[in-house]
C-alpha atoms as a PDB file:
ATOM      1  CA  UNK A   1     140.066  76.389 130.578  1.00  0.00           C
ATOM      2  CA  UNK A   2     142.747  77.111 133.171  1.00  0.00           C
ATOM      3  CA  UNK A   3     142.357  75.054 136.342  1.00  0.00           C
ATOM      4  CA  UNK A   4     143.705  76.880 139.360  1.00  0.00           C
ATOM      5  CA  UNK A   5     143.600  75.734 142.969  1.00  0.00           C
ATOM      6  CA  UNK A   6     142.162  72.333 142.029  1.00  0.00           C
ATOM      7  CA  UNK A   7     141.279  70.253 145.091  1.00  0.00           C
ATOM      8  CA  UNK A   8     139.893  66.722 145.012  1.00  0.00           C
ATOM      9  CA  UNK A   9     137.520  65.307 147.566  1.00  0.00           C
ATOM     10  CA  UNK A  10     135.926  61.906 146.775  1.00  0.00           C
ATOM     11  CA  UNK A  11     136.654  59.462 143.938  1.00  0.00           C
ATOM     12  CA  UNK A  12     134.796  56.338 142.856  1.00  0.00           C
ATOM     13  CA  UNK A  13     135.979  54.054 140.037  1.00  0.00           C
ATOM     14  CA  UNK A  14     133.668  51.972 137.856  1.00  0.00           C
ATOM     15  CA  UNK A  15     133.923  50.201 134.494  1.00  0.00           C
ATOM     16  CA  UNK A  16     131.754  50.076 131.364  1.00  0.00           C
ATOM     17  CA  UNK A  17     132.074  47.595 128.502  1.00  0.00           C
ATOM     18  CA  UNK A  18     131.934  47.577 124.713  1.00  0.00           C
ATOM     19  CA  UNK A  19     128.745  46.066 123.327  1.00  0.00           C
ATOM     20  CA  UNK A  20     129.075  42.917 121.257  1.00  0.00           C
ATOM     21  CA  UNK A  21     127.853  42.270 117.729  1.00  0.00           C
ATOM     22  CA  UNK A  22     124.338  41.729 119.106  1.00  0.00           C
ATOM     23  CA  UNK A  23     124.451  45.291 120.551  1.00  0.00           C
ATOM     24  CA  UNK A  24     123.258  44.005 123.904  1.00  0.00           C
ATOM     25  CA  UNK A  25     124.004  46.312 126.831  1.00  0.00           C
ATOM     26  CA  UNK A  26     126.498  44.846 129.289  1.00  0.00           C
ATOM     27  CA  UNK A  27     126.048  45.684 132.935  1.00  0.00           C
ATOM     28  CA  UNK A  28     128.775  48.006 134.297  1.00  0.00           C
ATOM     29  CA  UNK A  29     130.942  46.921 137.205  1.00  0.00           C
ATOM     30  CA  UNK A  30     130.439  49.521 139.942  1.00  0.00           C
ATOM     31  CA  UNK A  31     132.616  50.426 142.905  1.00  0.00           C
ATOM     32  CA  UNK A  32     131.919  49.008 146.359  1.00  0.00           C
ATOM     33  CA  UNK A  33     134.082  51.589 148.142  1.00  0.00           C
ATOM     34  CA  UNK A  34     135.378  55.108 147.580  1.00  0.00           C
ATOM     35  CA  UNK A  35     139.022  55.208 146.519  1.00  0.00           C
ATOM     36  CA  UNK A  36     141.671  55.990 149.121  1.00  0.00           C
ATOM     37  CA  UNK A  37     144.603  57.131 146.978  1.00  0.00           C
ATOM     38  CA  UNK A  38     148.054  58.108 148.284  1.00  0.00           C
ATOM     39  CA  UNK A  39     149.116  61.724 147.894  1.00  0.00           C
ATOM     40  CA  UNK A  40     151.407  60.954 144.948  1.00  0.00           C
ATOM     41  CA  UNK A  41     148.529  59.321 143.069  1.00  0.00           C
ATOM     42  CA  UNK A  42     146.246  62.274 143.833  1.00  0.00           C
ATOM     43  CA  UNK A  43     148.877  64.669 142.461  1.00  0.00           C
ATOM     44  CA  UNK A  44     149.131  62.662 139.224  1.00  0.00           C
ATOM     45  CA  UNK A  45     145.350  62.480 138.908  1.00  0.00           C
ATOM     46  CA  UNK A  46     145.060  66.245 139.291  1.00  0.00           C
ATOM     47  CA  UNK A  47     147.819  66.665 136.702  1.00  0.00           C
ATOM     48  CA  UNK A  48     145.897  64.565 134.144  1.00  0.00           C
ATOM     49  CA  UNK A  49     142.749  66.637 134.672  1.00  0.00           C
ATOM     50  CA  UNK A  50     144.610  69.941 134.460  1.00  0.00           C
ATOM     51  CA  UNK A  51     146.555  68.983 131.334  1.00  0.00           C
ATOM     52  CA  UNK A  52     143.407  67.773 129.593  1.00  0.00           C
ATOM     53  CA  UNK A  53     141.118  70.710 130.294  1.00  0.00           C
ATOM     54  CA  UNK A  54     143.895  73.247 129.673  1.00  0.00           C
ATOM     55  CA  UNK A  55     144.449  71.885 126.141  1.00  0.00           C
ATOM     56  CA  UNK A  56     142.538  74.541 124.226  1.00  0.00           C
ATOM     57  CA  UNK A  57     142.570  72.602 120.948  1.00  0.00           C
ATOM     58  CA  UNK A  58     140.798  69.646 122.566  1.00  0.00           C
ATOM     59  CA  UNK A  59     138.595  71.314 125.197  1.00  0.00           C
ATOM     60  CA  UNK A  60     135.332  73.184 124.974  1.00  0.00           C
ATOM     61  CA  UNK A  61     133.021  74.981 127.313  1.00  0.00           C
ATOM     62  CA  UNK A  62     129.648  73.559 126.305  1.00  0.00           C
ATOM     63  CA  UNK A  63     126.070  74.650 126.738  1.00  0.00           C
ATOM     64  CA  UNK A  64     124.007  72.560 129.157  1.00  0.00           C
ATOM     65  CA  UNK A  65     120.828  71.558 127.331  1.00  0.00           C
ATOM     66  CA  UNK A  66     119.294  68.957 129.683  1.00  0.00           C
ATOM     67  CA  UNK A  67     118.707  69.541 133.374  1.00  0.00           C
ATOM     68  CA  UNK A  68     115.565  67.580 134.202  1.00  0.00           C
ATOM     69  CA  UNK A  69     115.409  64.662 136.663  1.00  0.00           C
ATOM     70  CA  UNK A  70     117.617  61.839 135.429  1.00  0.00           C
ATOM     71  CA  UNK A  71     119.919  64.169 133.483  1.00  0.00           C
ATOM     72  CA  UNK A  72     123.638  64.404 134.145  1.00  0.00           C
ATOM     73  CA  UNK A  73     123.280  67.889 135.645  1.00  0.00           C
ATOM     74  CA  UNK A  74     120.599  66.619 138.015  1.00  0.00           C
ATOM     75  CA  UNK A  75     122.890  63.746 139.021  1.00  0.00           C
ATOM     76  CA  UNK A  76     125.889  65.969 139.721  1.00  0.00           C
ATOM     77  CA  UNK A  77     123.766  68.369 141.757  1.00  0.00           C
ATOM     78  CA  UNK A  78     122.788  65.461 143.997  1.00  0.00           C
ATOM     79  CA  UNK A  79     126.399  64.261 144.220  1.00  0.00           C
ATOM     80  CA  UNK A  80     127.655  67.630 145.455  1.00  0.00           C
ATOM     81  CA  UNK A  81     125.294  67.598 148.405  1.00  0.00           C
ATOM     82  CA  UNK A  82     125.683  63.897 149.234  1.00  0.00           C
ATOM     83  CA  UNK A  83     127.340  62.253 152.224  1.00  0.00           C
ATOM     84  CA  UNK A  84     130.184  59.846 151.444  1.00  0.00           C
ATOM     85  CA  UNK A  85     127.853  56.838 151.524  1.00  0.00           C
ATOM     86  CA  UNK A  86     125.326  58.635 149.316  1.00  0.00           C
ATOM     87  CA  UNK A  87     128.094  59.758 146.961  1.00  0.00           C
ATOM     88  CA  UNK A  88     129.174  56.165 146.335  1.00  0.00           C
ATOM     89  CA  UNK A  89     125.602  55.038 145.712  1.00  0.00           C
ATOM     90  CA  UNK A  90     124.698  58.004 143.487  1.00  0.00           C
ATOM     91  CA  UNK A  91     127.949  57.761 141.517  1.00  0.00           C
ATOM     92  CA  UNK A  92     126.840  54.336 140.239  1.00  0.00           C
ATOM     93  CA  UNK A  93     124.215  56.077 138.142  1.00  0.00           C
ATOM     94  CA  UNK A  94     126.976  57.633 136.027  1.00  0.00           C
ATOM     95  CA  UNK A  95     128.400  54.422 134.471  1.00  0.00           C
ATOM     96  CA  UNK A  96     124.882  53.055 134.060  1.00  0.00           C
ATOM     97  CA  UNK A  97     123.768  56.089 132.056  1.00  0.00           C
ATOM     98  CA  UNK A  98     126.977  55.958 130.023  1.00  0.00           C
ATOM     99  CA  UNK A  99     126.387  52.276 129.238  1.00  0.00           C
ATOM    100  CA  UNK A 100     122.901  53.222 128.021  1.00  0.00           C
ATOM    101  CA  UNK A 101     124.358  55.775 125.591  1.00  0.00           C
ATOM    102  CA  UNK A 102     127.193  53.610 124.247  1.00  0.00           C
ATOM    103  CA  UNK A 103     124.901  51.849 121.797  1.00  0.00           C
ATOM    104  CA  UNK A 104     127.301  51.100 118.941  1.00  0.00           C
ATOM    105  CA  UNK A 105     129.737  48.151 119.139  1.00  0.00           C
ATOM    106  CA  UNK A 106     132.513  50.438 117.863  1.00  0.00           C
ATOM    107  CA  UNK A 107     132.449  52.485 121.077  1.00  0.00           C
ATOM    108  CA  UNK A 108     135.088  51.065 123.429  1.00  0.00           C
ATOM    109  CA  UNK A 109     134.567  50.321 127.065  1.00  0.00           C
ATOM    110  CA  UNK A 110     136.733  51.800 129.762  1.00  0.00           C
ATOM    111  CA  UNK A 111     137.211  52.885 133.337  1.00  0.00           C
ATOM    112  CA  UNK A 112     134.797  55.567 134.559  1.00  0.00           C
ATOM    113  CA  UNK A 113     136.010  57.815 137.375  1.00  0.00           C
ATOM    114  CA  UNK A 114     133.521  60.009 139.220  1.00  0.00           C
ATOM    115  CA  UNK A 115     134.993  62.636 141.536  1.00  0.00           C
ATOM    116  CA  UNK A 116     134.180  65.910 143.226  1.00  0.00           C
ATOM    117  CA  UNK A 117     136.111  68.821 144.690  1.00  0.00           C
ATOM    118  CA  UNK A 118     136.630  72.553 144.367  1.00  0.00           C
ATOM    119  CA  UNK A 119     138.388  74.741 141.813  1.00  0.00           C
ATOM    120  CA  UNK A 120     139.389  78.374 141.374  1.00  0.00           C
ATOM    121  CA  UNK A 121     140.114  81.158 143.777  1.00  0.00           C
ATOM    122  CA  UNK A 122     136.503  81.125 144.960  1.00  0.00           C
ATOM    123  CA  UNK A 123     136.574  77.362 145.585  1.00  0.00           C
ATOM    124  CA  UNK A 124     133.672  76.608 143.270  1.00  0.00           C
ATOM    125  CA  UNK A 125     132.406  73.086 143.823  1.00  0.00           C
ATOM    126  CA  UNK A 126     132.420  70.643 140.914  1.00  0.00           C
ATOM    127  CA  UNK A 127     131.733  67.055 139.900  1.00  0.00           C
ATOM    128  CA  UNK A 128     133.945  65.486 137.262  1.00  0.00           C
ATOM    129  CA  UNK A 129     133.745  62.353 135.133  1.00  0.00           C
ATOM    130  CA  UNK A 130     136.576  60.698 133.227  1.00  0.00           C
ATOM    131  CA  UNK A 131     136.178  57.842 130.773  1.00  0.00           C
ATOM    132  CA  UNK A 132     139.592  56.272 130.121  1.00  0.00           C
ATOM    133  CA  UNK A 133     140.320  53.311 127.881  1.00  0.00           C
ATOM    134  CA  UNK A 134     142.410  50.538 129.408  1.00  0.00           C
ATOM    135  CA  UNK A 135     145.919  49.746 128.205  1.00  0.00           C
ATOM    136  CA  UNK A 136     148.594  47.125 128.579  1.00  0.00           C
ATOM    137  CA  UNK A 137     152.256  47.788 129.358  1.00  0.00           C
ATOM    138  CA  UNK A 138     155.458  46.623 130.984  1.00  0.00           C
ATOM    139  CA  UNK A 139     157.205  47.545 134.231  1.00  0.00           C
ATOM    140  CA  UNK A 140     160.895  47.042 135.063  1.00  0.00           C
ATOM    141  CA  UNK A 141     161.836  46.444 138.694  1.00  0.00           C
ATOM    142  CA  UNK A 142     164.643  44.925 140.751  1.00  0.00           C
ATOM    143  CA  UNK A 143     164.060  41.955 143.064  1.00  0.00           C
ATOM    144  CA  UNK A 144     166.848  40.125 144.941  1.00  0.00           C
ATOM    145  CA  UNK A 145     169.511  41.750 142.788  1.00  0.00           C
ATOM    146  CA  UNK A 146     167.753  40.752 139.573  1.00  0.00           C
ATOM    147  CA  UNK A 147     166.135  43.154 137.137  1.00  0.00           C
ATOM    148  CA  UNK A 148     162.780  41.754 136.022  1.00  0.00           C
ATOM    149  CA  UNK A 149     160.136  42.771 133.518  1.00  0.00           C
ATOM    150  CA  UNK A 150     156.488  42.497 134.510  1.00  0.00           C
ATOM    151  CA  UNK A 151     153.552  42.649 132.075  1.00  0.00           C
ATOM    152  CA  UNK A 152     150.734  44.860 133.325  1.00  0.00           C
ATOM    153  CA  UNK A 153     147.180  44.694 132.057  1.00  0.00           C
ATOM    154  CA  UNK A 154     144.353  47.160 132.741  1.00  0.00           C
ATOM    155  CA  UNK A 155     146.432  50.338 132.926  1.00  0.00           C
ATOM    156  CA  UNK A 156     144.587  53.635 132.538  1.00  0.00           C
ATOM    157  CA  UNK A 157     145.359  57.357 132.702  1.00  0.00           C
ATOM    158  CA  UNK A 158     149.055  56.838 132.082  1.00  0.00           C
ATOM    159  CA  UNK A 159     151.148  59.852 131.113  1.00  0.00           C
ATOM    160  CA  UNK A 160     151.272  58.652 127.496  1.00  0.00           C
ATOM    161  CA  UNK A 161     147.590  57.806 127.172  1.00  0.00           C
ATOM    162  CA  UNK A 162     145.550  59.977 124.853  1.00  0.00           C
ATOM    163  CA  UNK A 163     142.315  58.007 124.564  1.00  0.00           C
ATOM    164  CA  UNK A 164     140.101  59.502 127.207  1.00  0.00           C
ATOM    165  CA  UNK A 165     137.340  62.019 127.817  1.00  0.00           C
ATOM    166  CA  UNK A 166     136.825  64.415 130.707  1.00  0.00           C
ATOM    167  CA  UNK A 167     133.731  66.329 131.786  1.00  0.00           C
ATOM    168  CA  UNK A 168     133.717  68.896 134.589  1.00  0.00           C
ATOM    169  CA  UNK A 169     130.472  70.482 135.782  1.00  0.00           C
ATOM    170  CA  UNK A 170     131.262  73.481 138.003  1.00  0.00           C
ATOM    171  CA  UNK A 171     128.624  75.151 140.176  1.00  0.00           C
ATOM    172  CA  UNK A 172     129.305  78.889 139.922  1.00  0.00           C
ATOM    173  CA  UNK A 173     126.218  80.149 141.754  1.00  0.00           C
ATOM    174  CA  UNK A 174     124.108  77.817 143.897  1.00  0.00           C
ATOM    175  CA  UNK A 175     121.346  80.427 144.180  1.00  0.00           C
ATOM    176  CA  UNK A 176     120.460  80.267 140.485  1.00  0.00           C
ATOM    177  CA  UNK A 177     118.055  77.752 139.025  1.00  0.00           C
ATOM    178  CA  UNK A 178     119.774  75.088 136.885  1.00  0.00           C
ATOM    179  CA  UNK A 179     121.116  75.102 134.263  1.00  0.00           C
ATOM    180  CA  UNK A 180     121.962  78.710 135.177  1.00  0.00           C
ATOM    181  CA  UNK A 181     124.748  78.906 137.711  1.00  0.00           C
ATOM    182  CA  UNK A 182     126.624  75.958 136.173  1.00  0.00           C
ATOM    183  CA  UNK A 183     129.508  75.755 133.683  1.00  0.00           C
ATOM    184  CA  UNK A 184     130.270  72.579 131.745  1.00  0.00           C
ATOM    185  CA  UNK A 185     133.731  71.826 130.348  1.00  0.00           C
ATOM    186  CA  UNK A 186     134.496  68.851 128.112  1.00  0.00           C
ATOM    187  CA  UNK A 187     137.807  67.439 126.921  1.00  0.00           C
ATOM    188  CA  UNK A 188     137.728  64.857 124.123  1.00  0.00           C
ATOM    189  CA  UNK A 189     140.765  63.517 122.289  1.00  0.00           C
ATOM    190  CA  UNK A 190     138.645  63.380 119.112  1.00  0.00           C
ATOM    191  CA  UNK A 191     138.272  67.155 118.922  1.00  0.00           C
ATOM    192  CA  UNK A 192     140.445  68.967 116.372  1.00  0.00           C
ATOM    193  CA  UNK A 193     141.036  72.740 116.471  1.00  0.00           C
ATOM    194  CA  UNK A 194     138.859  73.530 113.429  1.00  0.00           C
ATOM    195  CA  UNK A 195     136.375  70.658 113.654  1.00  0.00           C
ATOM    196  CA  UNK A 196     134.847  70.684 117.108  1.00  0.00           C
ATOM    197  CA  UNK A 197     131.936  68.565 115.908  1.00  0.00           C
ATOM    198  CA  UNK A 198     134.230  65.522 115.874  1.00  0.00           C
ATOM    199  CA  UNK A 199     133.791  65.278 119.644  1.00  0.00           C
ATOM    200  CA  UNK A 200     131.957  62.040 120.459  1.00  0.00           C
ATOM    201  CA  UNK A 201     128.282  62.978 120.288  1.00  0.00           C
ATOM    202  CA  UNK A 202     127.140  60.037 122.422  1.00  0.00           C
ATOM    203  CA  UNK A 203     129.332  61.387 125.237  1.00  0.00           C
ATOM    204  CA  UNK A 204     128.656  65.118 125.246  1.00  0.00           C
ATOM    205  CA  UNK A 205     125.064  65.090 123.997  1.00  0.00           C
ATOM    206  CA  UNK A 206     123.498  61.778 124.949  1.00  0.00           C
ATOM    207  CA  UNK A 207     125.390  61.206 128.211  1.00  0.00           C
ATOM    208  CA  UNK A 208     126.179  64.720 129.472  1.00  0.00           C
ATOM    209  CA  UNK A 209     123.149  66.490 127.997  1.00  0.00           C
ATOM    210  CA  UNK A 210     125.278  69.244 126.468  1.00  0.00           C
ATOM    211  CA  UNK A 211     125.416  71.013 123.114  1.00  0.00           C
ATOM    212  CA  UNK A 212     128.271  72.503 121.142  1.00  0.00           C
ATOM    213  CA  UNK A 213     128.468  76.255 121.802  1.00  0.00           C
ATOM    214  CA  UNK A 214     126.905  78.631 119.333  1.00  0.00           C
ATOM    215  CA  UNK A 215     129.893  80.589 118.116  1.00  0.00           C
ATOM    216  CA  UNK A 216     129.557  82.973 115.166  1.00  0.00           C
ATOM    217  CA  UNK A 217     133.261  83.008 114.268  1.00  0.00           C
ATOM    218  CA  UNK A 218     133.515  79.225 114.341  1.00  0.00           C
ATOM    219  CA  UNK A 219     130.224  78.625 112.512  1.00  0.00           C
ATOM    220  CA  UNK A 220     130.980  81.215 109.805  1.00  0.00           C
ATOM    221  CA  UNK A 221     134.353  79.620 109.071  1.00  0.00           C
ATOM    222  CA  UNK A 222     132.835  76.148 109.104  1.00  0.00           C
ATOM    223  CA  UNK A 223     130.016  77.154 106.734  1.00  0.00           C
ATOM    224  CA  UNK A 224     132.614  78.560 104.341  1.00  0.00           C
ATOM    225  CA  UNK A 225     134.726  75.379 104.423  1.00  0.00           C
ATOM    226  CA  UNK A 226     131.780  72.994 104.150  1.00  0.00           C
ATOM    227  CA  UNK A 227     130.246  74.915 101.254  1.00  0.00           C
ATOM    228  CA  UNK A 228     133.536  74.818  99.339  1.00  0.00           C
ATOM    229  CA  UNK A 229     133.754  71.081 100.020  1.00  0.00           C
ATOM    230  CA  UNK A 230     130.241  70.563  98.678  1.00  0.00           C
ATOM    231  CA  UNK A 231     130.871  72.630  95.552  1.00  0.00           C
ATOM    232  CA  UNK A 232     134.129  70.760  94.872  1.00  0.00           C
ATOM    233  CA  UNK A 233     132.380  67.373  94.834  1.00  0.00           C
ATOM    234  CA  UNK A 234     129.094  68.575  93.308  1.00  0.00           C
ATOM    235  CA  UNK A 235     129.829  67.511  89.721  1.00  0.00           C
ATOM    236  CA  UNK A 236     128.931  70.970  88.412  1.00  0.00           C
ATOM    237  CA  UNK A 237     130.930  72.367  85.467  1.00  0.00           C
ATOM    238  CA  UNK A 238     134.188  74.074  86.437  1.00  0.00           C
ATOM    239  CA  UNK A 239     132.972  77.534  85.437  1.00  0.00           C
ATOM    240  CA  UNK A 240     129.806  77.140  87.508  1.00  0.00           C
ATOM    241  CA  UNK A 241     131.752  75.861  90.517  1.00  0.00           C
ATOM    242  CA  UNK A 242     134.016  78.889  90.377  1.00  0.00           C
ATOM    243  CA  UNK A 243     131.027  81.238  90.111  1.00  0.00           C
ATOM    244  CA  UNK A 244     129.518  79.712  93.265  1.00  0.00           C
ATOM    245  CA  UNK A 245     132.800  79.982  95.168  1.00  0.00           C
ATOM    246  CA  UNK A 246     133.097  83.618  94.051  1.00  0.00           C
ATOM    247  CA  UNK A 247     129.597  84.185  95.384  1.00  0.00           C
ATOM    248  CA  UNK A 248     130.507  82.417  98.638  1.00  0.00           C
ATOM    249  CA  UNK A 249     133.375  84.842  99.266  1.00  0.00           C
ATOM    250  CA  UNK A 250     131.088  87.805  98.666  1.00  0.00           C
ATOM    251  CA  UNK A 251     128.242  86.332 100.713  1.00  0.00           C
ATOM    252  CA  UNK A 252     130.382  85.615 103.756  1.00  0.00           C
ATOM    253  CA  UNK A 253     132.535  88.728 103.712  1.00  0.00           C
ATOM    254  CA  UNK A 254     130.691  91.575 102.026  1.00  0.00           C
ATOM    255  CA  UNK A 255     126.970  91.202 102.677  1.00  0.00           C
ATOM    256  CA  UNK A 256     125.686  93.384 105.470  1.00  0.00           C
ATOM    257  CA  UNK A 257     123.251  91.163 107.328  1.00  0.00           C
ATOM    258  CA  UNK A 258     124.285  90.356 110.901  1.00  0.00           C
ATOM    259  CA  UNK A 259     123.194  86.763 110.437  1.00  0.00           C
ATOM    260  CA  UNK A 260     122.969  84.327 107.530  1.00  0.00           C
ATOM    261  CA  UNK A 261     121.697  80.825 106.883  1.00  0.00           C
ATOM    262  CA  UNK A 262     122.630  77.971 104.601  1.00  0.00           C
ATOM    263  CA  UNK A 263     119.119  78.007 103.110  1.00  0.00           C
ATOM    264  CA  UNK A 264     119.460  81.687 102.205  1.00  0.00           C
ATOM    265  CA  UNK A 265     122.768  81.021 100.421  1.00  0.00           C
ATOM    266  CA  UNK A 266     121.356  78.015  98.570  1.00  0.00           C
ATOM    267  CA  UNK A 267     118.322  79.947  97.305  1.00  0.00           C
ATOM    268  CA  UNK A 268     120.523  82.803  96.089  1.00  0.00           C
ATOM    269  CA  UNK A 269     123.391  80.949  94.470  1.00  0.00           C
ATOM    270  CA  UNK A 270     122.834  77.202  93.996  1.00  0.00           C
ATOM    271  CA  UNK A 271     121.002  75.610  91.080  1.00  0.00           C
ATOM    272  CA  UNK A 272     117.561  74.357  92.100  1.00  0.00           C
ATOM    273  CA  UNK A 273     118.527  70.719  91.661  1.00  0.00           C
ATOM    274  CA  UNK A 274     121.399  71.084  94.174  1.00  0.00           C
ATOM    275  CA  UNK A 275     119.595  72.781  97.034  1.00  0.00           C
ATOM    276  CA  UNK A 276     118.239  69.655  98.723  1.00  0.00           C
ATOM    277  CA  UNK A 277     121.560  67.852  98.272  1.00  0.00           C
ATOM    278  CA  UNK A 278     123.390  70.816  99.841  1.00  0.00           C
ATOM    279  CA  UNK A 279     120.990  70.842 102.809  1.00  0.00           C
ATOM    280  CA  UNK A 280     121.418  67.086 103.310  1.00  0.00           C
ATOM    281  CA  UNK A 281     125.209  67.462 103.079  1.00  0.00           C
ATOM    282  CA  UNK A 282     125.255  70.111 105.821  1.00  0.00           C
ATOM    283  CA  UNK A 283     122.849  68.117 107.998  1.00  0.00           C
ATOM    284  CA  UNK A 284     125.107  65.067 107.734  1.00  0.00           C
ATOM    285  CA  UNK A 285     128.006  67.279 108.898  1.00  0.00           C
ATOM    286  CA  UNK A 286     125.821  68.527 111.778  1.00  0.00           C
ATOM    287  CA  UNK A 287     125.880  72.144 110.615  1.00  0.00           C
ATOM    288  CA  UNK A 288     122.865  74.009 112.055  1.00  0.00           C
ATOM    289  CA  UNK A 289     119.968  74.954 109.787  1.00  0.00           C
ATOM    290  CA  UNK A 290     119.189  77.988 111.965  1.00  0.00           C
ATOM    291  CA  UNK A 291     120.594  81.451 111.279  1.00  0.00           C
ATOM    292  CA  UNK A 292     124.147  81.980 112.529  1.00  0.00           C
ATOM    293  CA  UNK A 293     125.985  85.163 113.394  1.00  0.00           C
ATOM    294  CA  UNK A 294     128.204  86.419 110.557  1.00  0.00           C
ATOM    295  CA  UNK A 295     131.708  86.747 112.030  1.00  0.00           C
ATOM    296  CA  UNK A 296     134.811  86.395 109.845  1.00  0.00           C
ATOM    297  CA  UNK A 297     137.337  87.082 112.613  1.00  0.00           C
ATOM    298  CA  UNK A 298     138.579  83.475 112.682  1.00  0.00           C
ATOM    299  CA  UNK A 299     139.061  83.105 108.928  1.00  0.00           C
ATOM    300  CA  UNK A 300     142.512  84.630 108.514  1.00  0.00           C
ATOM    301  CA  UNK A 301     143.614  84.803 104.863  1.00  0.00           C
ATOM    302  CA  UNK A 302     140.865  82.585 103.510  1.00  0.00           C
ATOM    303  CA  UNK A 303     138.758  85.551 102.442  1.00  0.00           C
ATOM    304  CA  UNK A 304     141.652  87.754 101.363  1.00  0.00           C
ATOM    305  CA  UNK A 305     143.280  85.511  98.786  1.00  0.00           C
ATOM    306  CA  UNK A 306     142.169  82.838  96.347  1.00  0.00           C
ATOM    307  CA  UNK A 307     144.463  80.091  95.118  1.00  0.00           C
ATOM    308  CA  UNK A 308     144.036  78.173  91.883  1.00  0.00           C
ATOM    309  CA  UNK A 309     145.970  75.131  90.720  1.00  0.00           C
ATOM    310  CA  UNK A 310     146.478  74.186  87.072  1.00  0.00           C
ATOM    311  CA  UNK A 311     147.829  70.689  86.646  1.00  0.00           C
ATOM    312  CA  UNK A 312     150.757  69.708  88.851  1.00  0.00           C
ATOM    313  CA  UNK A 313     153.137  72.609  88.160  1.00  0.00           C
ATOM    314  CA  UNK A 314     151.202  75.888  88.103  1.00  0.00           C
ATOM    315  CA  UNK A 315     149.508  77.838  90.884  1.00  0.00           C
ATOM    316  CA  UNK A 316     147.949  81.289  90.901  1.00  0.00           C
ATOM    317  CA  UNK A 317     147.381  83.345  94.047  1.00  0.00           C
ATOM    318  CA  UNK A 318     145.102  86.361  93.701  1.00  0.00           C
ATOM    319  CA  UNK A 319     143.146  88.582  96.062  1.00  0.00           C
ATOM    320  CA  UNK A 320     139.376  88.266  96.156  1.00  0.00           C
ATOM    321  CA  UNK A 321     139.186  92.003  95.391  1.00  0.00           C
ATOM    322  CA  UNK A 322     141.148  91.578  92.154  1.00  0.00           C
ATOM    323  CA  UNK A 323     138.753  88.867  91.023  1.00  0.00           C
ATOM    324  CA  UNK A 324     135.652  90.829  91.950  1.00  0.00           C
ATOM    325  CA  UNK A 325     136.729  94.004  90.142  1.00  0.00           C
ATOM    326  CA  UNK A 326     137.930  91.992  87.085  1.00  0.00           C
ATOM    327  CA  UNK A 327     141.560  93.016  87.466  1.00  0.00           C
ATOM    328  CA  UNK A 328     142.118  89.298  87.012  1.00  0.00           C
ATOM    329  CA  UNK A 329     139.856  87.170  84.836  1.00  0.00           C
ATOM    330  CA  UNK A 330     139.994  83.388  84.512  1.00  0.00           C
ATOM    331  CA  UNK A 331     138.221  81.707  81.625  1.00  0.00           C
ATOM    332  CA  UNK A 332     138.169  78.046  80.605  1.00  0.00           C
ATOM    333  CA  UNK A 333     137.467  76.584  77.208  1.00  0.00           C
ATOM    334  CA  UNK A 334     138.663  74.288  74.471  1.00  0.00           C
ATOM    335  CA  UNK A 335     142.182  74.826  73.131  1.00  0.00           C
ATOM    336  CA  UNK A 336     140.841  76.000  69.764  1.00  0.00           C
ATOM    337  CA  UNK A 337     138.861  78.736  71.550  1.00  0.00           C
ATOM    338  CA  UNK A 338     142.171  80.316  72.561  1.00  0.00           C
ATOM    339  CA  UNK A 339     144.166  79.962  69.359  1.00  0.00           C
ATOM    340  CA  UNK A 340     145.320  76.383  69.951  1.00  0.00           C
ATOM    341  CA  UNK A 341     144.320  73.165  68.265  1.00  0.00           C
ATOM    342  CA  UNK A 342     141.921  70.494  69.397  1.00  0.00           C
ATOM    343  CA  UNK A 343     139.408  70.224  72.224  1.00  0.00           C
ATOM    344  CA  UNK A 344     141.744  69.847  75.224  1.00  0.00           C
ATOM    345  CA  UNK A 345     140.710  72.064  78.134  1.00  0.00           C
ATOM    346  CA  UNK A 346     142.795  75.232  78.398  1.00  0.00           C
ATOM    347  CA  UNK A 347     142.601  78.177  80.794  1.00  0.00           C
ATOM    348  CA  UNK A 348     143.099  81.812  79.808  1.00  0.00           C
ATOM    349  CA  UNK A 349     144.152  84.204  82.554  1.00  0.00           C
ATOM    350  CA  UNK A 350     143.924  87.939  81.852  1.00  0.00           C
ATOM    351  CA  UNK A 351     145.778  90.219  84.300  1.00  0.00           C
ATOM    352  CA  UNK A 352     145.148  93.921  83.801  1.00  0.00           C
ATOM    353  CA  UNK A 353     148.382  94.909  85.539  1.00  0.00           C
ATOM    354  CA  UNK A 354     152.030  94.995  84.521  1.00  0.00           C
ATOM    355  CA  UNK A 355     154.537  92.537  85.981  1.00  0.00           C
ATOM    356  CA  UNK A 356     156.130  94.176  89.026  1.00  0.00           C
ATOM    357  CA  UNK A 357     158.105  91.388  90.645  1.00  0.00           C
ATOM    358  CA  UNK A 358     159.382  87.847  90.132  1.00  0.00           C
ATOM    359  CA  UNK A 359     160.102  85.287  92.868  1.00  0.00           C
END
């Protein structure tokens, strides 16, 4: 998300706390006044927001799933239309709802900033929330011709800090009925480019009421990767594992259906005794059980070439086409099946082509 013409209006700063071993909710400390920041501080604050939400690998536009009374979207709608006094009072609901959702003692506390403003050429109004973990640090300064070092506790949103989350709810059209007319953008330092599900679920789902976007290209690639991971650790014989991976390539790339599902693949290609385990594996990884749109545009070379490793010193790279049309055949067996001696596992590779190059 590119943030152009970002203008800030009101800011309130609160704090939430990590739960202890007893998992008891600790009451947040809420602001008594709106912040009055100097211009330099405002510029730095805007810079943090812009840098975060412009980081494509860590940011997502999410789908707003909850919009009823008490939801985050309902709260931000009230905040946009509030007076300054009402804004301060209403903003206290944000850290309280976040404290409700931070149920596990492993979830850290932090400073919670609630702010509003406008963004974009059309000056769309928005409400933003930042949760930033607190840090410690040192500051060097000169006093009476001496250079001193001061220890600082409770720092947050420093230039080097990476442990924070940002949510921006932008009202695009005030004439539409929510959640229509709103866009939700989330930045989370946990997100990785190919594993968006690592975003903190308590934050985007429980607190913000959002869902990960349904994206055919992303979900197709993720299904492919997760299925290979399952097959690799399934304990099935090597030959059977390779057959399933061969089928996976064909299923994802060559079948004609616009959509597919994990259940459909399991019924076609997995042994009966592995189907429930496969479903449980995908559920644990939060892969949807619904049908997803088949879209291989984000998969690059993963469907074009297969790579096999034999021991520590030998690798084979071959196109999926060559395997499917039997130009290359790979067969495993005991050494004495291939003219050797003993029962050690050997692999026979048959290539129905002449050698054309050596690298």
